[in-house]
């Protein structure tokens, strides 16, 4: 009978991608002496912040809810005892729920590096695509935003980078997938240290997210993460927060839809693989219509059987593939394994302008 619903499900996911991408989820880990009924608090409205929390922690939640174009969809606050030696309990909980950006107010340099290792492990080994905003943390990884601005003046208060990571996490979670956070204004901030263009460029090149004062307002510099090492697997695009957010959305949509509607439910035949490929292709095509994917070439965003991966798998189980034609490899029985590939080409935001003027 094939797969009657999965094509519709994928198209529905794609149709709602922009709407869903407008509001992400922020996770905050705080330490507090407050006596609460539960440690994990899910807040969807600023009015619902527990009154028992310290004023400092209430403020951190409020900063997260300032958001970007929109406020975050929700803020998950995990409250640890004030004397907690580490964040492991909160980390264990956060591995079980969905969120996009993490911030930990007043985190130490030593603990920041532990969070870096954890985030890298989640993304690279556990297939959990989340990000963290950390202060002064050079991680060389797309999952870590290295926020590097201190002396942030807001009315009569000066914030350090560790005190403003929650604000940045909320801002990034509140940015739509159609916009970059580059040059996004923080209206509450009156001033930050003034950098020269050379200092600004150097900070960007080494993977720092900074705030700049353009003489009239304070805004995000270029919206980059901490990745600086470019490889064949992670090209220059992976330095852009917007591109990583789009990639993570695609990953989560495909993974969740396949797990919920496909995994274990159908025979692993060539015909069913083609049906799945067709459904994912429809998802990609819709994202292209929404201008999230680049549709300027028919070579982009194609979904196909991963012949290279399938060939290597068949070799690993003792199948002689040397004399097989490509189509034979595609159709060969791969037991319970499915090998599919795609060549995504995301659209970026306009950021670098070259305008020639003739008089």
C-alpha atoms as a PDB file:
ATOM      1  CA  UNK A   1       0.000   0.000   0.000  1.00  0.00           C
ATOM      2  CA  UNK A   2       2.990   2.330   0.226  1.00  0.00           C
ATOM      3  CA  UNK A   3       3.074   5.381   2.454  1.00  0.00           C
ATOM      4  CA  UNK A   4      -0.248   7.237   2.234  1.00  0.00           C
ATOM      5  CA  UNK A   5       0.381   9.918   4.855  1.00  0.00           C
ATOM      6  CA  UNK A   6       4.085  10.676   5.026  1.00  0.00           C
ATOM      7  CA  UNK A   7       4.123  12.887   1.920  1.00  0.00           C
ATOM      8  CA  UNK A   8       1.373  15.068   3.384  1.00  0.00           C
ATOM      9  CA  UNK A   9       3.134  15.206   6.753  1.00  0.00           C
ATOM     10  CA  UNK A  10       6.395  16.363   5.187  1.00  0.00           C
ATOM     11  CA  UNK A  11       4.609  19.028   3.133  1.00  0.00           C
ATOM     12  CA  UNK A  12       2.783  20.243   6.228  1.00  0.00           C
ATOM     13  CA  UNK A  13       6.086  20.505   8.091  1.00  0.00           C
ATOM     14  CA  UNK A  14       7.580  22.523   5.249  1.00  0.00           C
ATOM     15  CA  UNK A  15       4.544  24.799   4.973  1.00  0.00           C
ATOM     16  CA  UNK A  16       4.831  25.684   8.659  1.00  0.00           C
ATOM     17  CA  UNK A  17       8.634  25.980   8.723  1.00  0.00           C
ATOM     18  CA  UNK A  18       8.755  29.776   8.669  1.00  0.00           C
ATOM     19  CA  UNK A  19       6.039  30.087  11.311  1.00  0.00           C
ATOM     20  CA  UNK A  20       7.685  27.506  13.576  1.00  0.00           C
ATOM     21  CA  UNK A  21      11.088  29.061  13.021  1.00  0.00           C
ATOM     22  CA  UNK A  22       9.960  32.460  14.303  1.00  0.00           C
ATOM     23  CA  UNK A  23      10.036  31.426  17.954  1.00  0.00           C
ATOM     24  CA  UNK A  24      12.542  29.028  19.440  1.00  0.00           C
ATOM     25  CA  UNK A  25      12.945  27.708  22.971  1.00  0.00           C
ATOM     26  CA  UNK A  26      15.471  29.006  25.493  1.00  0.00           C
ATOM     27  CA  UNK A  27      16.875  26.880  28.307  1.00  0.00           C
ATOM     28  CA  UNK A  28      18.312  28.601  31.376  1.00  0.00           C
ATOM     29  CA  UNK A  29      20.167  26.954  34.238  1.00  0.00           C
ATOM     30  CA  UNK A  30      20.197  29.063  37.397  1.00  0.00           C
ATOM     31  CA  UNK A  31      21.279  28.556  40.989  1.00  0.00           C
ATOM     32  CA  UNK A  32      18.895  29.774  43.668  1.00  0.00           C
ATOM     33  CA  UNK A  33      18.065  29.196  47.317  1.00  0.00           C
ATOM     34  CA  UNK A  34      14.324  29.372  46.623  1.00  0.00           C
ATOM     35  CA  UNK A  35      12.161  26.466  47.780  1.00  0.00           C
ATOM     36  CA  UNK A  36      10.196  25.342  44.737  1.00  0.00           C
ATOM     37  CA  UNK A  37       7.888  22.378  44.145  1.00  0.00           C
ATOM     38  CA  UNK A  38       9.861  21.363  41.065  1.00  0.00           C
ATOM     39  CA  UNK A  39      13.253  22.184  39.660  1.00  0.00           C
ATOM     40  CA  UNK A  40      12.265  22.388  35.989  1.00  0.00           C
ATOM     41  CA  UNK A  41       9.934  25.301  35.297  1.00  0.00           C
ATOM     42  CA  UNK A  42       8.432  25.902  31.855  1.00  0.00           C
ATOM     43  CA  UNK A  43       7.502  29.555  31.376  1.00  0.00           C
ATOM     44  CA  UNK A  44       5.509  30.764  28.371  1.00  0.00           C
ATOM     45  CA  UNK A  45       4.717  34.247  29.679  1.00  0.00           C
ATOM     46  CA  UNK A  46       6.860  36.661  31.642  1.00  0.00           C
ATOM     47  CA  UNK A  47       4.008  37.045  34.133  1.00  0.00           C
ATOM     48  CA  UNK A  48       4.477  33.402  35.134  1.00  0.00           C
ATOM     49  CA  UNK A  49       7.994  33.789  36.557  1.00  0.00           C
ATOM     50  CA  UNK A  50       7.995  32.252  40.073  1.00  0.00           C
ATOM     51  CA  UNK A  51       7.998  34.979  42.710  1.00  0.00           C
ATOM     52  CA  UNK A  52      10.195  32.815  44.950  1.00  0.00           C
ATOM     53  CA  UNK A  53      13.235  33.231  42.712  1.00  0.00           C
ATOM     54  CA  UNK A  54      15.883  35.805  43.506  1.00  0.00           C
ATOM     55  CA  UNK A  55      15.631  39.185  41.823  1.00  0.00           C
ATOM     56  CA  UNK A  56      18.777  38.387  39.854  1.00  0.00           C
ATOM     57  CA  UNK A  57      17.333  35.175  38.431  1.00  0.00           C
ATOM     58  CA  UNK A  58      13.998  36.823  37.680  1.00  0.00           C
ATOM     59  CA  UNK A  59      15.899  39.437  35.711  1.00  0.00           C
ATOM     60  CA  UNK A  60      17.728  36.755  33.721  1.00  0.00           C
ATOM     61  CA  UNK A  61      14.403  35.233  32.675  1.00  0.00           C
ATOM     62  CA  UNK A  62      13.099  38.679  31.754  1.00  0.00           C
ATOM     63  CA  UNK A  63      16.199  39.291  29.625  1.00  0.00           C
ATOM     64  CA  UNK A  64      15.596  36.033  27.762  1.00  0.00           C
ATOM     65  CA  UNK A  65      11.983  37.014  27.066  1.00  0.00           C
ATOM     66  CA  UNK A  66      13.042  40.291  25.421  1.00  0.00           C
ATOM     67  CA  UNK A  67      13.697  38.095  22.397  1.00  0.00           C
ATOM     68  CA  UNK A  68      14.506  39.215  18.878  1.00  0.00           C
ATOM     69  CA  UNK A  69      11.844  39.957  16.273  1.00  0.00           C
ATOM     70  CA  UNK A  70       9.575  37.985  18.589  1.00  0.00           C
ATOM     71  CA  UNK A  71       9.870  36.632  22.108  1.00  0.00           C
ATOM     72  CA  UNK A  72      10.951  33.000  22.541  1.00  0.00           C
ATOM     73  CA  UNK A  73       8.175  30.435  22.425  1.00  0.00           C
ATOM     74  CA  UNK A  74       9.023  29.497  25.999  1.00  0.00           C
ATOM     75  CA  UNK A  75      11.845  29.537  28.509  1.00  0.00           C
ATOM     76  CA  UNK A  76      12.733  26.341  30.346  1.00  0.00           C
ATOM     77  CA  UNK A  77      14.342  27.246  33.667  1.00  0.00           C
ATOM     78  CA  UNK A  78      16.129  24.560  35.633  1.00  0.00           C
ATOM     79  CA  UNK A  79      16.721  25.708  39.209  1.00  0.00           C
ATOM     80  CA  UNK A  80      19.663  24.164  41.045  1.00  0.00           C
ATOM     81  CA  UNK A  81      20.455  24.694  44.734  1.00  0.00           C
ATOM     82  CA  UNK A  82      22.601  27.755  45.317  1.00  0.00           C
ATOM     83  CA  UNK A  83      25.492  25.595  46.536  1.00  0.00           C
ATOM     84  CA  UNK A  84      25.485  23.159  43.587  1.00  0.00           C
ATOM     85  CA  UNK A  85      28.996  22.153  42.601  1.00  0.00           C
ATOM     86  CA  UNK A  86      28.149  21.591  38.924  1.00  0.00           C
ATOM     87  CA  UNK A  87      25.339  21.578  36.361  1.00  0.00           C
ATOM     88  CA  UNK A  88      25.096  17.841  35.685  1.00  0.00           C
ATOM     89  CA  UNK A  89      21.611  17.414  37.135  1.00  0.00           C
ATOM     90  CA  UNK A  90      20.267  20.140  34.865  1.00  0.00           C
ATOM     91  CA  UNK A  91      22.178  18.758  31.894  1.00  0.00           C
ATOM     92  CA  UNK A  92      20.650  15.317  32.416  1.00  0.00           C
ATOM     93  CA  UNK A  93      17.174  16.848  32.406  1.00  0.00           C
ATOM     94  CA  UNK A  94      17.804  18.994  29.345  1.00  0.00           C
ATOM     95  CA  UNK A  95      18.832  15.950  27.330  1.00  0.00           C
ATOM     96  CA  UNK A  96      15.224  14.744  27.636  1.00  0.00           C
ATOM     97  CA  UNK A  97      13.344  17.854  26.449  1.00  0.00           C
ATOM     98  CA  UNK A  98      13.326  20.043  23.340  1.00  0.00           C
ATOM     99  CA  UNK A  99      15.080  23.409  23.340  1.00  0.00           C
ATOM    100  CA  UNK A 100      17.208  25.517  20.997  1.00  0.00           C
ATOM    101  CA  UNK A 101      19.499  27.884  22.905  1.00  0.00           C
ATOM    102  CA  UNK A 102      21.030  27.489  26.367  1.00  0.00           C
ATOM    103  CA  UNK A 103      22.415  30.166  28.665  1.00  0.00           C
ATOM    104  CA  UNK A 104      23.810  29.794  32.179  1.00  0.00           C
ATOM    105  CA  UNK A 105      24.046  33.145  33.976  1.00  0.00           C
ATOM    106  CA  UNK A 106      27.321  33.822  35.797  1.00  0.00           C
ATOM    107  CA  UNK A 107      28.933  30.590  34.635  1.00  0.00           C
ATOM    108  CA  UNK A 108      32.653  30.250  35.345  1.00  0.00           C
ATOM    109  CA  UNK A 109      35.317  29.768  32.686  1.00  0.00           C
ATOM    110  CA  UNK A 110      35.984  26.210  33.876  1.00  0.00           C
ATOM    111  CA  UNK A 111      32.304  25.267  33.775  1.00  0.00           C
ATOM    112  CA  UNK A 112      31.918  26.906  30.365  1.00  0.00           C
ATOM    113  CA  UNK A 113      34.448  24.483  28.907  1.00  0.00           C
ATOM    114  CA  UNK A 114      32.519  21.570  30.440  1.00  0.00           C
ATOM    115  CA  UNK A 115      29.347  22.835  28.774  1.00  0.00           C
ATOM    116  CA  UNK A 116      31.254  23.114  25.490  1.00  0.00           C
ATOM    117  CA  UNK A 117      32.205  19.434  25.716  1.00  0.00           C
ATOM    118  CA  UNK A 118      28.605  18.530  26.543  1.00  0.00           C
ATOM    119  CA  UNK A 119      27.094  20.513  23.647  1.00  0.00           C
ATOM    120  CA  UNK A 120      29.625  19.048  21.227  1.00  0.00           C
ATOM    121  CA  UNK A 121      28.710  15.569  22.460  1.00  0.00           C
ATOM    122  CA  UNK A 122      24.982  16.224  22.067  1.00  0.00           C
ATOM    123  CA  UNK A 123      25.337  17.519  18.516  1.00  0.00           C
ATOM    124  CA  UNK A 124      28.079  15.242  17.211  1.00  0.00           C
ATOM    125  CA  UNK A 125      27.425  11.976  19.060  1.00  0.00           C
ATOM    126  CA  UNK A 126      23.819  11.978  20.301  1.00  0.00           C
ATOM    127  CA  UNK A 127      22.178  13.678  17.312  1.00  0.00           C
ATOM    128  CA  UNK A 128      20.616  16.395  19.508  1.00  0.00           C
ATOM    129  CA  UNK A 129      20.939  19.685  17.642  1.00  0.00           C
ATOM    130  CA  UNK A 130      21.100  22.380  20.319  1.00  0.00           C
ATOM    131  CA  UNK A 131      23.252  25.469  20.860  1.00  0.00           C
ATOM    132  CA  UNK A 132      24.663  27.344  23.858  1.00  0.00           C
ATOM    133  CA  UNK A 133      25.564  31.003  24.337  1.00  0.00           C
ATOM    134  CA  UNK A 134      28.656  31.170  26.540  1.00  0.00           C
ATOM    135  CA  UNK A 135      30.829  34.112  27.649  1.00  0.00           C
ATOM    136  CA  UNK A 136      34.381  34.464  26.349  1.00  0.00           C
ATOM    137  CA  UNK A 137      34.482  30.835  25.198  1.00  0.00           C
ATOM    138  CA  UNK A 138      36.498  29.941  22.106  1.00  0.00           C
ATOM    139  CA  UNK A 139      35.076  26.546  21.190  1.00  0.00           C
ATOM    140  CA  UNK A 140      35.577  26.316  17.408  1.00  0.00           C
ATOM    141  CA  UNK A 141      32.170  24.687  17.021  1.00  0.00           C
ATOM    142  CA  UNK A 142      28.887  25.665  15.384  1.00  0.00           C
ATOM    143  CA  UNK A 143      26.953  24.704  18.521  1.00  0.00           C
ATOM    144  CA  UNK A 144      28.655  27.339  20.683  1.00  0.00           C
ATOM    145  CA  UNK A 145      28.064  31.073  20.378  1.00  0.00           C
ATOM    146  CA  UNK A 146      31.041  32.863  21.907  1.00  0.00           C
ATOM    147  CA  UNK A 147      29.538  36.073  23.330  1.00  0.00           C
ATOM    148  CA  UNK A 148      32.399  38.460  23.954  1.00  0.00           C
ATOM    149  CA  UNK A 149      31.103  41.899  24.979  1.00  0.00           C
ATOM    150  CA  UNK A 150      31.456  43.276  28.515  1.00  0.00           C
ATOM    151  CA  UNK A 151      30.547  46.628  30.062  1.00  0.00           C
ATOM    152  CA  UNK A 152      27.058  46.616  28.575  1.00  0.00           C
ATOM    153  CA  UNK A 153      25.267  49.740  29.780  1.00  0.00           C
ATOM    154  CA  UNK A 154      21.521  49.421  30.314  1.00  0.00           C
ATOM    155  CA  UNK A 155      20.021  52.415  32.112  1.00  0.00           C
ATOM    156  CA  UNK A 156      21.866  52.637  35.443  1.00  0.00           C
ATOM    157  CA  UNK A 157      23.423  49.177  35.337  1.00  0.00           C
ATOM    158  CA  UNK A 158      26.530  47.713  33.725  1.00  0.00           C
ATOM    159  CA  UNK A 159      26.343  44.049  32.654  1.00  0.00           C
ATOM    160  CA  UNK A 160      29.166  41.626  31.987  1.00  0.00           C
ATOM    161  CA  UNK A 161      29.020  39.100  29.161  1.00  0.00           C
ATOM    162  CA  UNK A 162      28.156  36.351  31.668  1.00  0.00           C
ATOM    163  CA  UNK A 163      25.161  38.389  32.815  1.00  0.00           C
ATOM    164  CA  UNK A 164      23.920  39.030  29.272  1.00  0.00           C
ATOM    165  CA  UNK A 165      24.106  35.586  27.666  1.00  0.00           C
ATOM    166  CA  UNK A 166      20.443  34.967  28.519  1.00  0.00           C
ATOM    167  CA  UNK A 167      19.541  38.096  26.562  1.00  0.00           C
ATOM    168  CA  UNK A 168      21.509  36.884  23.536  1.00  0.00           C
ATOM    169  CA  UNK A 169      20.001  33.382  23.755  1.00  0.00           C
ATOM    170  CA  UNK A 170      16.507  34.878  23.809  1.00  0.00           C
ATOM    171  CA  UNK A 171      17.339  37.178  20.913  1.00  0.00           C
ATOM    172  CA  UNK A 172      18.612  34.324  18.748  1.00  0.00           C
ATOM    173  CA  UNK A 173      15.615  32.154  19.669  1.00  0.00           C
ATOM    174  CA  UNK A 174      13.324  34.999  18.616  1.00  0.00           C
ATOM    175  CA  UNK A 175      14.810  35.465  15.144  1.00  0.00           C
ATOM    176  CA  UNK A 176      12.855  34.081  12.169  1.00  0.00           C
ATOM    177  CA  UNK A 177      14.538  31.748   9.703  1.00  0.00           C
ATOM    178  CA  UNK A 178      14.090  34.432   7.047  1.00  0.00           C
ATOM    179  CA  UNK A 179      16.417  36.899   8.825  1.00  0.00           C
ATOM    180  CA  UNK A 180      19.925  37.022  10.203  1.00  0.00           C
ATOM    181  CA  UNK A 181      20.651  38.547  13.621  1.00  0.00           C
ATOM    182  CA  UNK A 182      23.472  40.555  12.034  1.00  0.00           C
ATOM    183  CA  UNK A 183      23.022  44.242  12.969  1.00  0.00           C
ATOM    184  CA  UNK A 184      19.894  43.469  14.980  1.00  0.00           C
ATOM    185  CA  UNK A 185      19.360  46.343  17.421  1.00  0.00           C
ATOM    186  CA  UNK A 186      19.139  45.873  21.192  1.00  0.00           C
ATOM    187  CA  UNK A 187      16.987  48.916  22.045  1.00  0.00           C
ATOM    188  CA  UNK A 188      17.503  48.652  25.802  1.00  0.00           C
ATOM    189  CA  UNK A 189      21.299  48.901  25.559  1.00  0.00           C
ATOM    190  CA  UNK A 190      22.642  52.445  25.748  1.00  0.00           C
ATOM    191  CA  UNK A 191      26.318  51.774  25.159  1.00  0.00           C
ATOM    192  CA  UNK A 192      29.072  49.178  24.833  1.00  0.00           C
ATOM    193  CA  UNK A 193      32.842  49.528  24.402  1.00  0.00           C
ATOM    194  CA  UNK A 194      33.605  51.241  21.110  1.00  0.00           C
ATOM    195  CA  UNK A 195      35.679  49.148  18.708  1.00  0.00           C
ATOM    196  CA  UNK A 196      37.609  50.135  15.631  1.00  0.00           C
ATOM    197  CA  UNK A 197      36.712  48.435  12.368  1.00  0.00           C
ATOM    198  CA  UNK A 198      39.936  46.431  12.606  1.00  0.00           C
ATOM    199  CA  UNK A 199      39.044  45.209  16.101  1.00  0.00           C
ATOM    200  CA  UNK A 200      35.530  44.380  14.982  1.00  0.00           C
ATOM    201  CA  UNK A 201      36.744  42.407  11.962  1.00  0.00           C
ATOM    202  CA  UNK A 202      39.316  40.511  14.024  1.00  0.00           C
ATOM    203  CA  UNK A 203      36.682  39.495  16.586  1.00  0.00           C
ATOM    204  CA  UNK A 204      34.424  38.156  13.844  1.00  0.00           C
ATOM    205  CA  UNK A 205      37.271  36.269  12.189  1.00  0.00           C
ATOM    206  CA  UNK A 206      38.059  34.394  15.412  1.00  0.00           C
ATOM    207  CA  UNK A 207      34.438  33.418  16.024  1.00  0.00           C
ATOM    208  CA  UNK A 208      33.197  36.024  18.489  1.00  0.00           C
ATOM    209  CA  UNK A 209      29.669  37.386  18.688  1.00  0.00           C
ATOM    210  CA  UNK A 210      29.955  40.995  19.804  1.00  0.00           C
ATOM    211  CA  UNK A 211      27.818  44.081  20.294  1.00  0.00           C
ATOM    212  CA  UNK A 212      28.809  47.261  18.484  1.00  0.00           C
ATOM    213  CA  UNK A 213      27.844  50.901  18.808  1.00  0.00           C
ATOM    214  CA  UNK A 214      27.360  52.543  15.409  1.00  0.00           C
ATOM    215  CA  UNK A 215      27.107  56.021  16.919  1.00  0.00           C
ATOM    216  CA  UNK A 216      23.331  55.903  17.174  1.00  0.00           C
ATOM    217  CA  UNK A 217      22.405  52.484  18.518  1.00  0.00           C
ATOM    218  CA  UNK A 218      23.839  49.240  19.858  1.00  0.00           C
ATOM    219  CA  UNK A 219      23.437  46.159  17.699  1.00  0.00           C
ATOM    220  CA  UNK A 220      24.720  42.665  17.069  1.00  0.00           C
ATOM    221  CA  UNK A 221      27.860  42.491  14.964  1.00  0.00           C
ATOM    222  CA  UNK A 222      27.930  39.729  12.393  1.00  0.00           C
ATOM    223  CA  UNK A 223      25.811  36.807  13.651  1.00  0.00           C
ATOM    224  CA  UNK A 224      28.467  34.101  13.767  1.00  0.00           C
ATOM    225  CA  UNK A 225      29.125  31.165  16.048  1.00  0.00           C
ATOM    226  CA  UNK A 226      32.509  30.083  17.398  1.00  0.00           C
ATOM    227  CA  UNK A 227      33.420  27.834  14.453  1.00  0.00           C
ATOM    228  CA  UNK A 228      36.688  28.929  12.844  1.00  0.00           C
ATOM    229  CA  UNK A 229      38.145  25.729  11.380  1.00  0.00           C
ATOM    230  CA  UNK A 230      36.658  25.172   7.928  1.00  0.00           C
ATOM    231  CA  UNK A 231      36.581  21.602   6.593  1.00  0.00           C
ATOM    232  CA  UNK A 232      34.964  19.714   3.730  1.00  0.00           C
ATOM    233  CA  UNK A 233      32.212  18.569   6.111  1.00  0.00           C
ATOM    234  CA  UNK A 234      31.708  22.006   7.679  1.00  0.00           C
ATOM    235  CA  UNK A 235      32.239  24.777   5.169  1.00  0.00           C
ATOM    236  CA  UNK A 236      32.185  28.553   5.604  1.00  0.00           C
ATOM    237  CA  UNK A 237      28.366  28.543   5.799  1.00  0.00           C
ATOM    238  CA  UNK A 238      28.526  26.670   9.103  1.00  0.00           C
ATOM    239  CA  UNK A 239      29.945  29.807  10.740  1.00  0.00           C
ATOM    240  CA  UNK A 240      26.597  31.563  10.238  1.00  0.00           C
ATOM    241  CA  UNK A 241      24.064  31.219  13.044  1.00  0.00           C
ATOM    242  CA  UNK A 242      21.195  31.538  10.544  1.00  0.00           C
ATOM    243  CA  UNK A 243      22.442  28.675   8.372  1.00  0.00           C
ATOM    244  CA  UNK A 244      22.994  26.394  11.372  1.00  0.00           C
ATOM    245  CA  UNK A 245      19.476  27.184  12.636  1.00  0.00           C
ATOM    246  CA  UNK A 246      18.014  26.236   9.250  1.00  0.00           C
ATOM    247  CA  UNK A 247      20.092  23.083   9.102  1.00  0.00           C
ATOM    248  CA  UNK A 248      18.994  22.103  12.611  1.00  0.00           C
ATOM    249  CA  UNK A 249      15.337  22.651  11.730  1.00  0.00           C
ATOM    250  CA  UNK A 250      15.689  20.423   8.655  1.00  0.00           C
ATOM    251  CA  UNK A 251      17.418  17.742  10.703  1.00  0.00           C
ATOM    252  CA  UNK A 252      14.786  17.782  13.447  1.00  0.00           C
ATOM    253  CA  UNK A 253      11.843  17.781  11.020  1.00  0.00           C
ATOM    254  CA  UNK A 254      13.162  14.857   9.004  1.00  0.00           C
ATOM    255  CA  UNK A 255      14.284  12.874  12.034  1.00  0.00           C
ATOM    256  CA  UNK A 256      11.016  13.301  13.945  1.00  0.00           C
ATOM    257  CA  UNK A 257       8.770  12.606  10.958  1.00  0.00           C
ATOM    258  CA  UNK A 258      10.695   9.484   9.963  1.00  0.00           C
ATOM    259  CA  UNK A 259      10.735   8.202  13.557  1.00  0.00           C
ATOM    260  CA  UNK A 260       7.027   8.830  14.099  1.00  0.00           C
ATOM    261  CA  UNK A 261       5.676   7.713  10.730  1.00  0.00           C
ATOM    262  CA  UNK A 262       8.178   5.433   9.044  1.00  0.00           C
ATOM    263  CA  UNK A 263      10.655   3.693  11.349  1.00  0.00           C
ATOM    264  CA  UNK A 264       9.675   0.045  11.867  1.00  0.00           C
ATOM    265  CA  UNK A 265       6.374   0.446  10.040  1.00  0.00           C
ATOM    266  CA  UNK A 266       7.256  -0.525   6.461  1.00  0.00           C
ATOM    267  CA  UNK A 267       9.313  -3.151   4.652  1.00  0.00           C
ATOM    268  CA  UNK A 268      12.785  -1.949   3.677  1.00  0.00           C
ATOM    269  CA  UNK A 269      12.252  -2.373  -0.055  1.00  0.00           C
ATOM    270  CA  UNK A 270      13.609  -0.259  -2.875  1.00  0.00           C
ATOM    271  CA  UNK A 271      10.094   0.955  -3.712  1.00  0.00           C
ATOM    272  CA  UNK A 272       9.508   2.149  -0.155  1.00  0.00           C
ATOM    273  CA  UNK A 273      12.876   3.899  -0.126  1.00  0.00           C
ATOM    274  CA  UNK A 274      11.858   5.753  -3.280  1.00  0.00           C
ATOM    275  CA  UNK A 275       8.565   6.745  -1.656  1.00  0.00           C
ATOM    276  CA  UNK A 276      10.457   8.156   1.323  1.00  0.00           C
ATOM    277  CA  UNK A 277      12.854   9.994  -0.990  1.00  0.00           C
ATOM    278  CA  UNK A 278       9.891  11.459  -2.875  1.00  0.00           C
ATOM    279  CA  UNK A 279       8.346  12.683   0.377  1.00  0.00           C
ATOM    280  CA  UNK A 280      11.568  14.330   1.578  1.00  0.00           C
ATOM    281  CA  UNK A 281      12.003  15.865  -1.874  1.00  0.00           C
ATOM    282  CA  UNK A 282       8.540  17.407  -1.562  1.00  0.00           C
ATOM    283  CA  UNK A 283       9.606  18.879   1.793  1.00  0.00           C
ATOM    284  CA  UNK A 284      12.747  20.362   0.216  1.00  0.00           C
ATOM    285  CA  UNK A 285      10.762  21.730  -2.716  1.00  0.00           C
ATOM    286  CA  UNK A 286       8.369  23.510  -0.373  1.00  0.00           C
ATOM    287  CA  UNK A 287      11.257  25.019   1.605  1.00  0.00           C
ATOM    288  CA  UNK A 288      12.607  26.304  -1.704  1.00  0.00           C
ATOM    289  CA  UNK A 289       9.243  27.901  -2.494  1.00  0.00           C
ATOM    290  CA  UNK A 290       9.415  29.576   0.925  1.00  0.00           C
ATOM    291  CA  UNK A 291      12.897  30.884  -0.046  1.00  0.00           C
ATOM    292  CA  UNK A 292      14.555  29.071   2.846  1.00  0.00           C
ATOM    293  CA  UNK A 293      16.377  26.890   0.325  1.00  0.00           C
ATOM    294  CA  UNK A 294      18.028  28.243  -2.808  1.00  0.00           C
ATOM    295  CA  UNK A 295      16.144  27.184  -5.931  1.00  0.00           C
ATOM    296  CA  UNK A 296      18.357  28.997  -8.450  1.00  0.00           C
ATOM    297  CA  UNK A 297      19.664  25.690  -9.806  1.00  0.00           C
ATOM    298  CA  UNK A 298      17.914  22.396 -10.464  1.00  0.00           C
ATOM    299  CA  UNK A 299      21.013  20.676  -9.103  1.00  0.00           C
ATOM    300  CA  UNK A 300      20.356  21.933  -5.570  1.00  0.00           C
ATOM    301  CA  UNK A 301      18.347  20.227  -2.801  1.00  0.00           C
ATOM    302  CA  UNK A 302      18.006  16.843  -4.478  1.00  0.00           C
ATOM    303  CA  UNK A 303      17.248  13.734  -2.410  1.00  0.00           C
ATOM    304  CA  UNK A 304      18.635  10.405  -3.554  1.00  0.00           C
ATOM    305  CA  UNK A 305      19.880   7.019  -2.433  1.00  0.00           C
ATOM    306  CA  UNK A 306      23.377   7.369  -1.004  1.00  0.00           C
ATOM    307  CA  UNK A 307      25.128   4.981  -3.369  1.00  0.00           C
ATOM    308  CA  UNK A 308      28.512   5.504  -1.723  1.00  0.00           C
ATOM    309  CA  UNK A 309      27.166   4.724   1.752  1.00  0.00           C
ATOM    310  CA  UNK A 310      25.109   1.790   0.513  1.00  0.00           C
ATOM    311  CA  UNK A 311      28.062   0.364  -1.412  1.00  0.00           C
ATOM    312  CA  UNK A 312      30.328   0.538   1.629  1.00  0.00           C
ATOM    313  CA  UNK A 313      27.671  -1.131   3.768  1.00  0.00           C
ATOM    314  CA  UNK A 314      27.262  -3.990   1.304  1.00  0.00           C
ATOM    315  CA  UNK A 315      31.022  -4.487   1.270  1.00  0.00           C
ATOM    316  CA  UNK A 316      31.045  -4.588   5.071  1.00  0.00           C
ATOM    317  CA  UNK A 317      28.620  -7.537   5.093  1.00  0.00           C
ATOM    318  CA  UNK A 318      30.595  -9.469   2.504  1.00  0.00           C
ATOM    319  CA  UNK A 319      28.727  -8.579  -0.687  1.00  0.00           C
ATOM    320  CA  UNK A 320      30.880  -8.336  -3.822  1.00  0.00           C
ATOM    321  CA  UNK A 321      29.850  -5.052  -5.435  1.00  0.00           C
ATOM    322  CA  UNK A 322      32.768  -4.582  -7.836  1.00  0.00           C
ATOM    323  CA  UNK A 323      30.857  -5.791 -10.883  1.00  0.00           C
ATOM    324  CA  UNK A 324      27.499  -4.298  -9.895  1.00  0.00           C
ATOM    325  CA  UNK A 325      25.946  -1.440 -11.827  1.00  0.00           C
ATOM    326  CA  UNK A 326      24.864   1.615  -9.850  1.00  0.00           C
ATOM    327  CA  UNK A 327      21.176   0.746 -10.169  1.00  0.00           C
ATOM    328  CA  UNK A 328      21.842  -2.760  -8.862  1.00  0.00           C
ATOM    329  CA  UNK A 329      23.547  -1.272  -5.809  1.00  0.00           C
ATOM    330  CA  UNK A 330      20.580   1.039  -5.257  1.00  0.00           C
ATOM    331  CA  UNK A 331      18.091  -1.831  -5.386  1.00  0.00           C
ATOM    332  CA  UNK A 332      20.107  -4.360  -3.391  1.00  0.00           C
ATOM    333  CA  UNK A 333      18.673  -5.541  -0.058  1.00  0.00           C
ATOM    334  CA  UNK A 334      20.234  -3.544   2.799  1.00  0.00           C
ATOM    335  CA  UNK A 335      18.474  -5.425   5.615  1.00  0.00           C
ATOM    336  CA  UNK A 336      17.282  -2.792   8.101  1.00  0.00           C
ATOM    337  CA  UNK A 337      19.625  -0.012   6.906  1.00  0.00           C
ATOM    338  CA  UNK A 338      18.473   2.976   4.830  1.00  0.00           C
ATOM    339  CA  UNK A 339      21.004   5.194   3.062  1.00  0.00           C
ATOM    340  CA  UNK A 340      19.672   8.512   1.787  1.00  0.00           C
ATOM    341  CA  UNK A 341      21.524  11.731   0.948  1.00  0.00           C
ATOM    342  CA  UNK A 342      20.644  15.289  -0.036  1.00  0.00           C
ATOM    343  CA  UNK A 343      22.603  18.337  -1.216  1.00  0.00           C
ATOM    344  CA  UNK A 344      20.997  21.266   0.584  1.00  0.00           C
ATOM    345  CA  UNK A 345      21.719  24.832  -0.496  1.00  0.00           C
ATOM    346  CA  UNK A 346      20.375  27.290   2.080  1.00  0.00           C
ATOM    347  CA  UNK A 347      19.664  30.926   1.316  1.00  0.00           C
ATOM    348  CA  UNK A 348      21.610  33.399   3.444  1.00  0.00           C
ATOM    349  CA  UNK A 349      20.646  36.937   4.422  1.00  0.00           C
ATOM    350  CA  UNK A 350      21.970  40.055   2.681  1.00  0.00           C
ATOM    351  CA  UNK A 351      24.978  41.184   4.722  1.00  0.00           C
ATOM    352  CA  UNK A 352      27.874  42.289   2.505  1.00  0.00           C
ATOM    353  CA  UNK A 353      27.141  45.035  -0.019  1.00  0.00           C
ATOM    354  CA  UNK A 354      29.287  46.338  -2.865  1.00  0.00           C
ATOM    355  CA  UNK A 355      27.649  49.368  -4.464  1.00  0.00           C
ATOM    356  CA  UNK A 356      29.412  51.143  -7.309  1.00  0.00           C
ATOM    357  CA  UNK A 357      28.362  54.743  -7.893  1.00  0.00           C
ATOM    358  CA  UNK A 358      29.064  56.560 -11.134  1.00  0.00           C
ATOM    359  CA  UNK A 359      28.719  60.326 -11.404  1.00  0.00           C
END
